[in-house]
N, C-alpha and C. Protein backbone atom coordinates (compact mmCIF):
# COMPACT_ATOMS: atom_id res chain seq x y z
N MET A 1 0.49 -1.06 0.13
CA MET A 1 0.08 0.09 0.18
C MET A 1 0.84 1.16 -0.03
N GLU A 2 0.67 1.89 -0.88
CA GLU A 2 1.57 3.10 -1.13
C GLU A 2 0.97 4.26 -0.05
N ARG A 3 2.35 5.01 0.21
CA ARG A 3 2.21 5.78 1.10
C ARG A 3 2.11 7.26 0.93
N PRO A 4 0.76 7.84 1.75
CA PRO A 4 0.34 9.43 1.17
C PRO A 4 1.63 9.94 0.87
N ASN A 5 0.98 10.67 0.15
CA ASN A 5 2.31 12.01 -0.92
C ASN A 5 2.64 13.21 0.27
N HIS A 6 1.72 13.51 1.40
CA HIS A 6 1.88 14.50 2.13
C HIS A 6 3.34 13.76 2.65
N LEU A 7 3.27 12.60 2.99
CA LEU A 7 4.49 12.09 3.37
C LEU A 7 5.72 12.36 2.85
N HIS A 8 5.07 12.37 1.96
CA HIS A 8 6.89 12.45 0.84
C HIS A 8 6.90 13.43 0.79
N ILE A 9 6.60 14.96 0.30
CA ILE A 9 6.72 16.06 0.98
C ILE A 9 7.21 16.43 2.02
N GLU A 10 7.02 16.21 2.97
CA GLU A 10 7.01 16.39 4.66
C GLU A 10 9.06 15.95 4.84
N GLU A 11 9.01 14.77 3.91
CA GLU A 11 10.36 14.00 4.27
C GLU A 11 11.37 14.99 3.06
N LYS A 12 10.69 15.46 2.41
CA LYS A 12 11.35 16.27 1.08
C LYS A 12 12.04 17.29 1.75
N SER A 13 10.58 18.00 2.57
CA SER A 13 11.76 19.35 3.13
C SER A 13 12.42 19.17 4.12
N ALA A 14 12.08 18.13 4.74
CA ALA A 14 13.30 18.39 5.76
C ALA A 14 14.55 17.52 5.65
N ALA A 15 14.60 17.03 4.31
CA ALA A 15 16.08 16.74 3.83
C ALA A 15 16.71 17.99 3.63
N SER A 16 15.37 18.69 3.02
CA SER A 16 16.12 20.13 2.26
C SER A 16 16.57 21.34 3.31
N ARG A 17 15.79 20.73 4.29
CA ARG A 17 16.64 21.74 5.86
C ARG A 17 17.57 21.06 6.27
N ALA A 18 17.84 20.08 6.74
CA ALA A 18 19.00 19.58 6.91
C ALA A 18 20.11 19.56 6.08
N SER A 19 20.12 19.47 4.47
CA SER A 19 21.02 20.14 3.40
C SER A 19 21.63 21.51 4.11
N SER A 20 20.52 22.28 3.86
CA SER A 20 20.56 23.82 4.44
C SER A 20 21.27 24.07 5.68
N VAL A 21 20.89 23.42 6.58
CA VAL A 21 21.79 23.51 7.48
C VAL A 21 23.25 23.20 7.68
N ALA A 22 23.01 21.77 7.04
CA ALA A 22 24.45 21.66 6.82
C ALA A 22 25.49 22.39 5.68
N ILE A 23 24.70 23.01 4.75
CA ILE A 23 25.36 24.12 3.78
C ILE A 23 26.06 25.19 4.90
N VAL A 24 24.77 25.72 5.68
CA VAL A 24 25.45 27.01 6.40
C VAL A 24 26.35 26.94 7.28
N ALA A 25 26.08 25.54 7.72
CA ALA A 25 27.23 25.18 8.48
C ALA A 25 28.74 25.21 8.19
N ALA A 26 28.43 24.49 6.81
CA ALA A 26 30.34 24.55 6.35
C ALA A 26 30.55 25.76 6.23
N ILE A 27 29.79 26.90 6.03
CA ILE A 27 30.04 28.15 5.76
C ILE A 27 30.35 28.58 6.80
N HIS A 28 29.84 28.60 7.82
CA HIS A 28 30.32 29.10 9.03
C HIS A 28 31.59 28.78 9.60
N VAL A 29 31.97 27.34 9.16
CA VAL A 29 33.29 27.08 9.74
C VAL A 29 34.40 27.33 8.47
N VAL A 30 34.10 27.33 7.18
CA VAL A 30 35.19 27.75 6.43
C VAL A 30 34.78 29.27 6.87
N ALA A 31 33.84 30.30 7.10
CA ALA A 31 34.39 31.47 7.37
C ALA A 31 35.41 31.48 9.05
N ILE A 32 34.89 30.56 9.39
CA ILE A 32 35.36 30.85 10.92
C ILE A 32 37.25 30.44 10.66
N LEU A 33 37.42 29.41 9.64
CA LEU A 33 38.44 29.07 9.53
C LEU A 33 39.30 30.02 8.83
N GLY A 34 38.83 30.69 7.96
CA GLY A 34 39.70 32.07 7.30
C GLY A 34 39.74 33.03 7.87
N LEU A 35 38.85 33.29 9.08
CA LEU A 35 38.86 34.51 10.28
C LEU A 35 40.00 34.01 10.76
N VAL A 36 40.49 32.78 11.28
CA VAL A 36 41.20 32.00 12.32
C VAL A 36 42.75 31.91 11.60
N ALA A 37 42.92 31.76 9.98
CA ALA A 37 44.03 31.78 9.13
C ALA A 37 44.34 33.29 9.33
N ALA A 38 43.33 34.61 9.08
CA ALA A 38 43.73 35.71 9.04
C ALA A 38 44.26 36.44 9.81
N LEU A 39 43.98 35.80 11.09
CA LEU A 39 44.34 36.05 12.56
C LEU A 39 46.15 35.59 12.60
N ASN A 40 45.50 34.21 12.45
CA ASN A 40 47.26 33.24 12.28
C ASN A 40 48.45 34.18 11.44
N GLN A 41 47.58 35.00 10.30
CA GLN A 41 48.59 35.44 9.25
C GLN A 41 49.16 36.69 10.18
N GLY A 42 48.15 37.72 10.47
CA GLY A 42 48.33 38.94 11.03
C GLY A 42 49.60 38.77 12.16
N ALA A 43 49.09 37.73 13.00
CA ALA A 43 50.11 37.36 13.88
C ALA A 43 51.46 36.92 13.84
N ILE A 44 51.19 36.20 12.38
CA ILE A 44 53.03 35.84 11.87
C ILE A 44 53.53 37.14 11.64
N MET A 45 52.83 37.86 10.76
CA MET A 45 53.60 39.38 10.26
C MET A 45 53.53 40.11 11.32
N GLU A 46 53.05 40.23 12.24
CA GLU A 46 53.76 40.76 13.64
C GLU A 46 55.24 40.40 14.39
N GLN A 47 54.79 38.71 13.74
CA GLN A 47 56.03 38.06 14.84
C GLN A 47 56.98 38.81 13.87
N LEU A 48 57.22 38.47 12.57
CA LEU A 48 57.99 38.37 11.66
C LEU A 48 58.83 40.00 11.95
N ALA A 49 58.00 41.03 11.67
CA ALA A 49 58.25 42.59 12.27
C ALA A 49 59.02 42.67 13.40
N ASP A 50 58.22 41.87 14.60
CA ASP A 50 59.54 41.91 15.58
C ASP A 50 60.50 41.76 15.32
N ILE A 51 61.12 40.28 14.44
CA ILE A 51 62.22 39.59 14.69
C ILE A 51 63.07 40.69 13.76
N LYS A 52 62.46 41.31 12.74
CA LYS A 52 62.98 42.62 12.00
C LYS A 52 63.53 43.44 13.16
N ALA A 53 62.70 43.89 13.46
CA ALA A 53 62.77 45.22 14.40
C ALA A 53 63.76 44.53 15.04
N THR A 54 64.14 43.04 15.62
CA THR A 54 65.04 42.67 16.55
C THR A 54 66.47 42.92 16.03
N VAL A 55 66.19 42.30 14.55
CA VAL A 55 67.48 42.19 14.06
C VAL A 55 68.28 43.71 13.43
N GLU A 56 67.31 44.49 13.07
CA GLU A 56 67.86 45.84 12.83
C GLU A 56 68.17 46.37 13.72
N ALA A 57 67.81 46.44 15.11
CA ALA A 57 68.10 46.78 16.47
C ALA A 57 69.41 46.58 16.95
N GLU A 58 69.90 45.32 16.39
CA GLU A 58 71.53 44.32 16.84
C GLU A 58 72.06 44.77 15.86
N LYS A 59 72.52 45.70 15.22
CA LYS A 59 73.29 46.15 14.10
C LYS A 59 74.62 46.19 15.05
N THR A 60 75.52 45.69 14.63
CA THR A 60 76.89 45.74 14.92
C THR A 60 77.29 47.41 15.45
N PRO A 61 77.80 47.55 16.42
CA PRO A 61 78.30 48.84 17.15
C PRO A 61 79.20 49.65 16.38
N PRO A 62 79.42 50.75 15.68
CA PRO A 62 80.31 50.95 15.10
C PRO A 62 81.81 51.12 15.81
N LYS A 63 82.93 50.36 15.64
CA LYS A 63 84.53 50.48 15.96
C LYS A 63 84.79 51.94 16.50
N ALA A 64 85.42 51.89 17.93
CA ALA A 64 86.13 52.68 18.46
C ALA A 64 87.10 53.50 17.20
N PRO A 65 87.56 54.49 17.33
CA PRO A 65 88.65 55.04 16.76
C PRO A 65 90.05 54.37 17.25
N PRO A 66 90.89 53.73 16.54
CA PRO A 66 92.45 53.50 17.47
C PRO A 66 92.80 54.45 18.05
N PRO A 67 93.41 54.02 19.13
CA PRO A 67 93.88 55.07 20.35
C PRO A 67 95.37 55.69 19.35
N PRO A 68 95.66 56.98 19.70
CA PRO A 68 96.68 57.67 18.79
C PRO A 68 98.18 56.95 19.44
N PRO A 69 98.75 57.19 18.46
CA PRO A 69 100.39 56.71 18.70
C PRO A 69 100.97 57.05 19.71
N PRO A 70 101.73 56.11 20.39
CA PRO A 70 102.54 56.60 21.85
C PRO A 70 103.61 57.81 21.30
N ASP A 71 103.62 58.71 22.10
CA ASP A 71 104.68 60.32 21.64
C ASP A 71 106.44 59.02 21.89
N LEU A 72 106.99 59.32 20.50
CA LEU A 72 108.10 58.59 20.09
C LEU A 72 109.05 59.46 20.48
N VAL A 73 109.94 59.42 21.67
CA VAL A 73 111.23 60.54 22.32
C VAL A 73 111.91 60.10 21.29
N LYS A 74 112.95 60.78 20.42
CA LYS A 74 113.91 60.85 19.77
C LYS A 74 115.12 60.47 20.38
N PRO A 75 115.60 59.58 19.88
CA PRO A 75 116.88 59.62 20.86
C PRO A 75 117.80 60.86 20.68
N PRO A 76 118.76 60.95 21.82
CA PRO A 76 119.62 61.81 21.42
C PRO A 76 120.72 61.87 20.13
N PRO A 77 121.11 62.52 19.52
CA PRO A 77 122.07 62.71 18.61
C PRO A 77 123.34 61.76 18.98
N PRO A 78 124.01 61.16 18.01
CA PRO A 78 125.18 60.25 18.79
C PRO A 78 126.43 61.14 18.94
N VAL A 79 127.28 61.71 19.75
CA VAL A 79 128.37 62.12 20.27
C VAL A 79 129.84 61.48 19.69
N ALA A 80 130.00 62.20 18.59
CA ALA A 80 131.60 61.53 18.45
C ALA A 80 132.42 61.71 19.04
N ILE A 81 133.27 60.66 19.44
CA ILE A 81 133.87 60.64 20.37
C ILE A 81 135.39 60.42 19.85
N VAL A 82 136.41 61.56 19.79
CA VAL A 82 137.30 62.29 19.34
C VAL A 82 138.33 61.64 20.42
N PRO A 83 139.09 60.71 19.90
CA PRO A 83 140.24 60.07 20.62
C PRO A 83 141.30 61.38 20.97
N ASP A 84 141.90 61.40 22.01
CA ASP A 84 142.98 62.22 22.07
C ASP A 84 144.17 61.63 22.22
N PHE A 85 144.41 62.13 21.10
CA PHE A 85 146.23 61.62 20.99
C PHE A 85 147.03 62.72 20.18
N THR A 86 148.43 62.46 20.23
CA THR A 86 149.27 63.45 19.79
C THR A 86 150.13 63.02 19.12
N VAL A 87 150.58 63.72 18.01
CA VAL A 87 151.06 63.47 16.64
C VAL A 87 152.64 63.87 17.21
N ALA A 88 152.98 62.78 16.88
CA ALA A 88 155.30 63.12 17.01
C ALA A 88 155.52 64.05 15.87
N THR A 89 156.00 65.24 16.09
CA THR A 89 156.27 65.66 14.91
C THR A 89 157.96 65.27 14.46
N ALA A 90 157.96 65.07 13.48
CA ALA A 90 159.58 65.21 12.80
C ALA A 90 160.58 65.77 13.43
N PRO A 91 162.04 65.53 13.44
CA PRO A 91 162.45 66.89 14.16
C PRO A 91 162.96 67.55 12.57
N PRO A 92 162.96 68.87 12.28
CA PRO A 92 163.49 69.38 11.10
C PRO A 92 164.77 68.78 10.68
N PRO A 93 164.66 68.23 9.14
CA PRO A 93 166.22 68.03 8.88
C PRO A 93 167.44 68.96 9.04
N ALA A 94 168.56 68.07 9.00
CA ALA A 94 169.46 68.78 9.29
C ALA A 94 169.92 69.93 8.18
N ALA A 95 170.65 70.96 7.68
CA ALA A 95 170.75 71.68 6.97
C ALA A 95 172.04 71.58 6.48
N VAL A 96 171.88 70.66 4.92
CA VAL A 96 173.19 70.54 4.31
C VAL A 96 173.78 71.88 3.16
N THR A 97 175.06 72.47 3.78
CA THR A 97 175.73 73.29 3.24
C THR A 97 176.36 72.44 2.11
N THR A 98 175.61 73.28 0.54
CA THR A 98 176.28 72.93 -0.79
C THR A 98 177.22 73.85 -1.07
N ALA A 99 178.62 73.39 -1.67
CA ALA A 99 179.09 74.79 -1.91
C ALA A 99 179.05 74.91 -3.74
N PRO A 100 178.76 76.02 -3.57
CA PRO A 100 177.99 76.54 -5.11
C PRO A 100 179.31 75.80 -6.40
N LYS A 101 178.63 75.50 -6.96
CA LYS A 101 179.51 74.89 -8.32
C LYS A 101 180.15 75.88 -9.00
N PRO A 102 181.41 75.42 -9.55
CA PRO A 102 182.12 76.61 -9.94
C PRO A 102 181.45 76.94 -11.27
N PRO A 103 181.40 78.21 -12.21
CA PRO A 103 180.95 78.53 -13.37
C PRO A 103 181.66 77.40 -14.41
N PRO A 104 181.22 77.07 -15.11
CA PRO A 104 181.57 76.43 -16.54
C PRO A 104 182.87 77.12 -17.19
N ALA A 105 184.05 76.49 -17.67
CA ALA A 105 185.28 77.32 -17.94
C ALA A 105 184.41 77.52 -19.46
N PRO A 106 184.90 78.77 -19.38
CA PRO A 106 184.43 79.37 -21.28
C PRO A 106 185.65 78.75 -21.69
N PRO A 107 184.60 78.28 -23.16
CA PRO A 107 185.02 77.75 -24.22
C PRO A 107 186.73 78.23 -24.67
N LYS A 108 187.57 77.00 -25.54
CA LYS A 108 188.96 77.61 -25.25
C LYS A 108 188.62 77.85 -26.69
N ALA A 109 189.30 79.14 -27.16
CA ALA A 109 189.66 79.36 -28.01
C ALA A 109 190.35 79.28 -29.03
N VAL A 110 190.25 79.24 -30.51
CA VAL A 110 190.93 78.55 -30.83
C VAL A 110 192.06 79.06 -31.27
N ALA A 111 193.30 78.42 -31.17
CA ALA A 111 194.38 79.16 -31.28
C ALA A 111 195.10 79.10 -32.77
N SER A 112 195.06 80.62 -33.17
CA SER A 112 195.04 80.48 -34.76
C SER A 112 196.12 81.76 -35.57
N SER A 113 196.82 81.15 -36.12
CA SER A 113 198.05 81.56 -36.41
C SER A 113 197.85 82.94 -37.20
N ASP A 114 196.85 82.54 -38.09
CA ASP A 114 196.48 83.63 -39.32
C ASP A 114 194.84 84.02 -38.62
N PRO A 115 194.82 85.36 -38.93
CA PRO A 115 193.27 85.44 -38.57
C PRO A 115 192.46 85.45 -40.25
N LEU A 116 191.15 85.35 -40.06
CA LEU A 116 190.32 85.27 -40.98
C LEU A 116 190.50 86.86 -41.60
N ARG A 117 190.68 86.47 -42.68
CA ARG A 117 190.66 87.59 -43.57
C ARG A 117 190.02 87.99 -45.04
N PRO A 118 188.90 88.90 -45.60
CA PRO A 118 188.73 88.91 -46.58
C PRO A 118 189.21 89.22 -47.50
N ILE A 119 189.10 88.71 -49.27
CA ILE A 119 189.40 89.16 -50.30
C ILE A 119 189.25 90.03 -50.78
N ALA A 120 189.73 91.35 -50.71
CA ALA A 120 188.90 92.63 -50.98
C ALA A 120 188.19 92.76 -52.58
N ARG A 121 189.04 91.68 -53.55
CA ARG A 121 188.71 92.00 -55.23
C ARG A 121 187.12 91.42 -54.95
N THR A 122 186.70 90.39 -54.07
CA THR A 122 185.90 89.54 -54.08
C THR A 122 184.16 90.36 -53.38
N ARG A 123 184.63 91.31 -52.84
CA ARG A 123 183.94 91.96 -52.32
C ARG A 123 182.85 93.02 -52.93
N THR A 124 182.49 92.40 -53.71
CA THR A 124 181.65 93.43 -54.66
C THR A 124 179.86 93.31 -54.40
N LEU A 125 179.33 94.15 -54.64
CA LEU A 125 177.35 94.33 -54.31
C LEU A 125 176.83 93.66 -55.01
N PRO A 126 176.00 93.37 -54.66
CA PRO A 126 175.26 92.06 -55.77
C PRO A 126 174.19 93.07 -56.48
N PRO A 127 174.27 92.18 -57.58
CA PRO A 127 173.17 93.28 -58.75
C PRO A 127 171.53 93.35 -57.98
N TYR A 128 171.03 94.52 -58.01
CA TYR A 128 169.99 94.88 -57.77
C TYR A 128 168.71 94.35 -58.89
N PRO A 129 167.59 93.50 -57.88
CA PRO A 129 166.78 92.78 -58.21
C PRO A 129 165.77 93.91 -59.11
N PRO A 130 165.90 93.68 -60.44
CA PRO A 130 164.83 94.76 -61.43
C PRO A 130 163.56 95.16 -60.42
N ILE A 131 162.86 94.01 -59.97
CA ILE A 131 161.60 94.46 -59.30
C ILE A 131 161.81 95.22 -58.06
N SER A 132 163.27 94.78 -57.59
CA SER A 132 162.86 95.74 -56.38
C SER A 132 163.10 97.13 -56.46
N VAL A 133 163.98 97.67 -57.57
CA VAL A 133 164.00 98.81 -58.22
C VAL A 133 162.63 99.42 -58.50
N ARG A 134 161.86 98.81 -59.26
CA ARG A 134 160.66 99.02 -59.84
C ARG A 134 159.49 99.40 -58.40
N LEU A 135 159.68 98.58 -57.13
CA LEU A 135 159.23 98.86 -56.11
C LEU A 135 159.55 99.60 -55.16
N ASN A 136 161.06 100.26 -56.07
CA ASN A 136 161.08 100.80 -54.84
C ASN A 136 161.99 100.25 -53.08
N GLU A 137 162.44 99.28 -53.31
CA GLU A 137 162.65 98.34 -51.88
C GLU A 137 164.35 98.53 -51.94
N SER A 138 164.75 98.59 -50.60
CA SER A 138 165.94 99.72 -50.29
C SER A 138 165.56 98.32 -48.60
N GLY A 139 167.48 98.99 -48.18
CA GLY A 139 167.56 98.03 -46.67
C GLY A 139 168.79 97.57 -46.78
N THR A 140 168.91 96.97 -45.58
CA THR A 140 170.15 96.28 -45.07
C THR A 140 170.09 94.95 -44.59
N THR A 141 170.74 93.93 -45.18
CA THR A 141 170.62 92.30 -44.91
C THR A 141 171.91 92.23 -44.11
N LEU A 142 171.40 91.85 -43.15
CA LEU A 142 172.32 91.18 -42.21
C LEU A 142 172.94 89.46 -42.39
N MET A 143 173.61 89.21 -42.25
CA MET A 143 173.83 87.10 -42.59
C MET A 143 175.09 86.88 -41.44
N GLU A 144 174.75 85.42 -41.46
CA GLU A 144 175.68 84.64 -40.95
C GLU A 144 176.08 83.62 -41.80
N VAL A 145 177.39 83.79 -42.33
CA VAL A 145 177.77 82.62 -43.37
C VAL A 145 178.86 82.12 -42.21
N HIS A 146 178.97 81.13 -43.46
CA HIS A 146 179.76 79.75 -42.71
C HIS A 146 180.75 79.12 -43.62
N ILE A 147 181.97 79.75 -43.86
CA ILE A 147 183.24 79.47 -44.25
C ILE A 147 184.15 78.29 -44.05
N THR A 148 184.28 77.43 -45.23
CA THR A 148 185.20 76.61 -45.58
C THR A 148 186.57 76.45 -45.12
N THR A 149 187.65 75.58 -45.03
CA THR A 149 188.88 76.05 -45.27
C THR A 149 189.29 76.15 -46.54
N GLU A 150 188.57 76.20 -47.35
CA GLU A 150 188.70 76.90 -48.88
C GLU A 150 188.75 78.05 -48.98
N GLY A 151 187.84 79.06 -47.83
CA GLY A 151 187.65 80.05 -47.85
C GLY A 151 186.29 80.55 -48.62
N ASN A 152 185.72 79.52 -48.77
CA ASN A 152 184.54 79.45 -49.84
C ASN A 152 183.18 79.84 -48.91
N VAL A 153 181.86 80.43 -49.28
CA VAL A 153 180.78 80.37 -48.49
C VAL A 153 179.91 79.25 -48.68
N ASP A 154 179.73 78.19 -47.70
CA ASP A 154 178.74 77.26 -47.88
C ASP A 154 177.04 77.24 -47.52
N ASP A 155 177.25 77.83 -46.76
CA ASP A 155 175.80 78.22 -45.74
C ASP A 155 175.49 79.80 -45.45
N CYS A 156 174.54 80.15 -45.88
CA CYS A 156 174.23 81.53 -45.22
C CYS A 156 173.25 81.82 -44.66
N LYS A 157 172.83 82.40 -43.59
CA LYS A 157 171.70 82.37 -42.84
C LYS A 157 171.34 84.03 -42.62
N VAL A 158 170.11 84.55 -43.01
CA VAL A 158 169.72 86.01 -42.98
C VAL A 158 169.07 86.04 -41.35
N ILE A 159 170.43 86.71 -40.75
CA ILE A 159 170.05 87.30 -39.20
C ILE A 159 168.70 88.66 -38.99
N THR A 160 169.19 89.80 -39.74
CA THR A 160 168.45 90.94 -39.93
C THR A 160 168.03 90.57 -40.95
N SER A 161 166.62 91.09 -41.58
CA SER A 161 165.82 91.53 -42.87
C SER A 161 166.42 92.59 -43.45
N SER A 162 166.23 92.95 -44.79
CA SER A 162 165.96 94.22 -44.90
C SER A 162 164.55 94.82 -45.70
N SER A 163 163.59 93.79 -45.04
CA SER A 163 162.12 94.11 -45.18
C SER A 163 161.85 93.79 -46.33
N SER A 164 162.84 92.85 -47.00
CA SER A 164 162.64 92.77 -48.48
C SER A 164 163.20 90.78 -48.81
N GLU A 165 162.17 90.23 -49.21
CA GLU A 165 162.74 88.67 -49.29
C GLU A 165 163.73 88.61 -49.97
N ARG A 166 163.06 89.26 -51.02
CA ARG A 166 163.63 89.48 -52.47
C ARG A 166 165.20 89.78 -52.37
N LEU A 167 165.39 90.79 -51.63
CA LEU A 167 166.85 91.34 -51.48
C LEU A 167 167.64 90.64 -50.85
N ASP A 168 166.78 89.99 -49.44
CA ASP A 168 167.74 88.80 -48.71
C ASP A 168 168.16 87.77 -49.61
N GLN A 169 167.29 87.39 -50.02
CA GLN A 169 167.54 86.42 -50.98
C GLN A 169 168.79 86.29 -52.37
N ALA A 170 168.61 87.77 -52.66
CA ALA A 170 169.86 87.70 -54.01
C ALA A 170 171.05 88.28 -52.87
N ALA A 171 171.09 88.80 -51.45
CA ALA A 171 172.31 88.82 -50.73
C ALA A 171 173.04 87.56 -50.53
N CYS A 172 172.47 86.88 -50.02
CA CYS A 172 172.63 85.27 -49.87
C CYS A 172 173.50 85.00 -50.84
N ASP A 173 172.89 84.82 -51.70
CA ASP A 173 173.16 84.20 -53.34
C ASP A 173 174.60 84.89 -53.99
N HIS A 174 174.58 86.01 -53.85
CA HIS A 174 175.65 86.80 -54.18
C HIS A 174 176.86 86.38 -52.97
N VAL A 175 176.32 86.58 -52.06
CA VAL A 175 177.69 86.08 -51.34
C VAL A 175 178.45 84.74 -51.36
N LYS A 176 177.35 83.75 -51.23
CA LYS A 176 177.87 82.27 -51.24
C LYS A 176 178.48 82.42 -52.86
N ARG A 177 178.46 83.07 -54.14
CA ARG A 177 178.39 82.83 -55.31
C ARG A 177 180.12 83.31 -55.20
N VAL A 178 180.14 84.54 -54.69
CA VAL A 178 181.23 85.47 -55.18
C VAL A 178 182.06 85.73 -54.13
N TRP A 179 181.75 86.15 -53.17
CA TRP A 179 182.79 86.47 -51.70
C TRP A 179 183.69 85.10 -51.53
N ARG A 180 184.82 85.56 -50.99
CA ARG A 180 185.67 84.59 -50.67
C ARG A 180 186.78 85.24 -49.89
N TRP A 181 187.51 84.44 -48.76
CA TRP A 181 188.04 84.61 -47.43
C TRP A 181 189.22 83.81 -47.49
N GLN A 182 190.25 84.15 -46.91
CA GLN A 182 191.21 83.36 -46.68
C GLN A 182 191.52 82.99 -45.46
N PRO A 183 191.46 81.43 -44.91
CA PRO A 183 190.86 81.20 -44.00
C PRO A 183 191.62 81.29 -42.76
N PRO A 184 191.30 81.24 -41.34
CA PRO A 184 192.34 81.16 -40.45
C PRO A 184 193.12 79.62 -40.32
N THR A 185 193.72 79.80 -39.86
CA THR A 185 194.72 78.31 -39.70
C THR A 185 195.37 78.31 -38.05
N ASN A 186 195.48 77.20 -37.37
CA ASN A 186 195.45 76.63 -35.99
C ASN A 186 196.59 76.09 -36.50
N GLN A 187 197.64 76.23 -36.11
CA GLN A 187 199.28 75.60 -36.27
C GLN A 187 199.68 75.26 -37.71
N GLY A 188 199.39 76.30 -38.66
CA GLY A 188 199.64 76.59 -39.90
C GLY A 188 198.82 75.69 -41.07
N ALA A 189 197.68 75.09 -40.23
CA ALA A 189 196.21 74.18 -41.11
C ALA A 189 194.98 75.50 -40.82
N PRO A 190 194.46 75.23 -42.12
CA PRO A 190 193.10 76.40 -42.47
C PRO A 190 192.01 75.67 -41.36
N ILE A 191 191.23 76.27 -41.17
CA ILE A 191 190.06 75.93 -40.21
C ILE A 191 188.99 76.56 -40.99
N ALA A 192 187.77 76.31 -40.37
CA ALA A 192 186.56 76.59 -41.27
C ALA A 192 186.00 77.24 -40.06
N VAL A 193 185.09 78.68 -40.23
CA VAL A 193 184.66 79.20 -38.83
C VAL A 193 183.63 79.77 -39.74
N SER A 194 182.74 80.54 -38.82
CA SER A 194 181.43 81.46 -39.34
C SER A 194 181.83 82.82 -38.68
N THR A 195 181.10 83.66 -39.91
CA THR A 195 180.87 84.95 -39.61
C THR A 195 180.21 85.67 -40.22
N ARG A 196 179.41 87.16 -39.19
CA ARG A 196 178.35 87.43 -39.88
C ARG A 196 178.83 88.98 -41.00
N VAL A 197 178.26 88.96 -41.78
CA VAL A 197 178.62 89.92 -43.06
C VAL A 197 177.29 90.76 -43.23
N SER A 198 177.21 91.80 -44.04
CA SER A 198 176.12 92.77 -44.50
C SER A 198 176.19 92.95 -45.87
N VAL A 199 175.03 93.22 -46.34
CA VAL A 199 174.63 93.84 -47.73
C VAL A 199 174.04 95.30 -47.39
N LYS A 200 174.37 96.70 -47.73
CA LYS A 200 173.37 97.45 -47.65
C LYS A 200 172.75 97.87 -49.03
N TRP A 201 171.24 98.00 -49.33
CA TRP A 201 170.52 98.02 -50.44
C TRP A 201 170.36 99.50 -50.69
N ASP A 202 171.42 100.39 -51.65
CA ASP A 202 170.51 101.34 -51.79
C ASP A 202 170.26 101.57 -53.40
N LEU A 203 168.95 102.57 -53.76
CA LEU A 203 168.66 102.38 -54.80
C LEU A 203 169.59 103.17 -55.72
N LYS A 204 170.04 104.02 -54.96
CA LYS A 204 171.31 104.81 -56.32
C LYS A 204 172.40 103.63 -56.88
N ASP A 205 172.35 102.94 -55.95
CA ASP A 205 173.80 102.22 -56.37
C ASP A 205 173.03 100.89 -57.77
N ALA A 206 171.54 101.11 -57.57
CA ALA A 206 171.02 100.45 -58.70
C ALA A 206 170.95 101.11 -60.43
N ARG A 207 171.08 102.42 -60.18
CA ARG A 207 171.46 103.40 -61.22
C ARG A 207 172.91 103.67 -62.20
């Protein structure tokens, strides 16, 4: 025998109410859990903030500056110790008296029995160089000549110039070529000697 319809409707209403109560209860549970979670999260954040504040508060304090270096006292400068000693001075050397050397003996004169004599006929004047005449050159040539044992002149040296090299050379050439002497003798043997002669250059002798 079938149950009446109103019983079915009442059963459905009761089931619906139970379902609604369960849903509402579930919603409340979820809300409570969410609230608890939110509260727990806030507490965690506060704890983290406290930890952060604690960590930041516990920073390493700055190091104190090092103490100033101690004053170094400079040592006094070293003092040179000079030894005291006495230098013995040597006695002065004894004075040595040296006798003055005698002056050298004068050269021995050549003993000659006959002096040097010029041969007069050979003492002619040298010819005047034409260029010297045109240039009006004049003067005196002083020469030193060496006379051989034959009486000839083999060397001539100008001692004082006539201010013209041309006249000096002409004088030496003429004396060597023309002038002659009778040489001196030593114990009868002729010897070579040197003597000085001069030639006077005058333009009037050139005309």
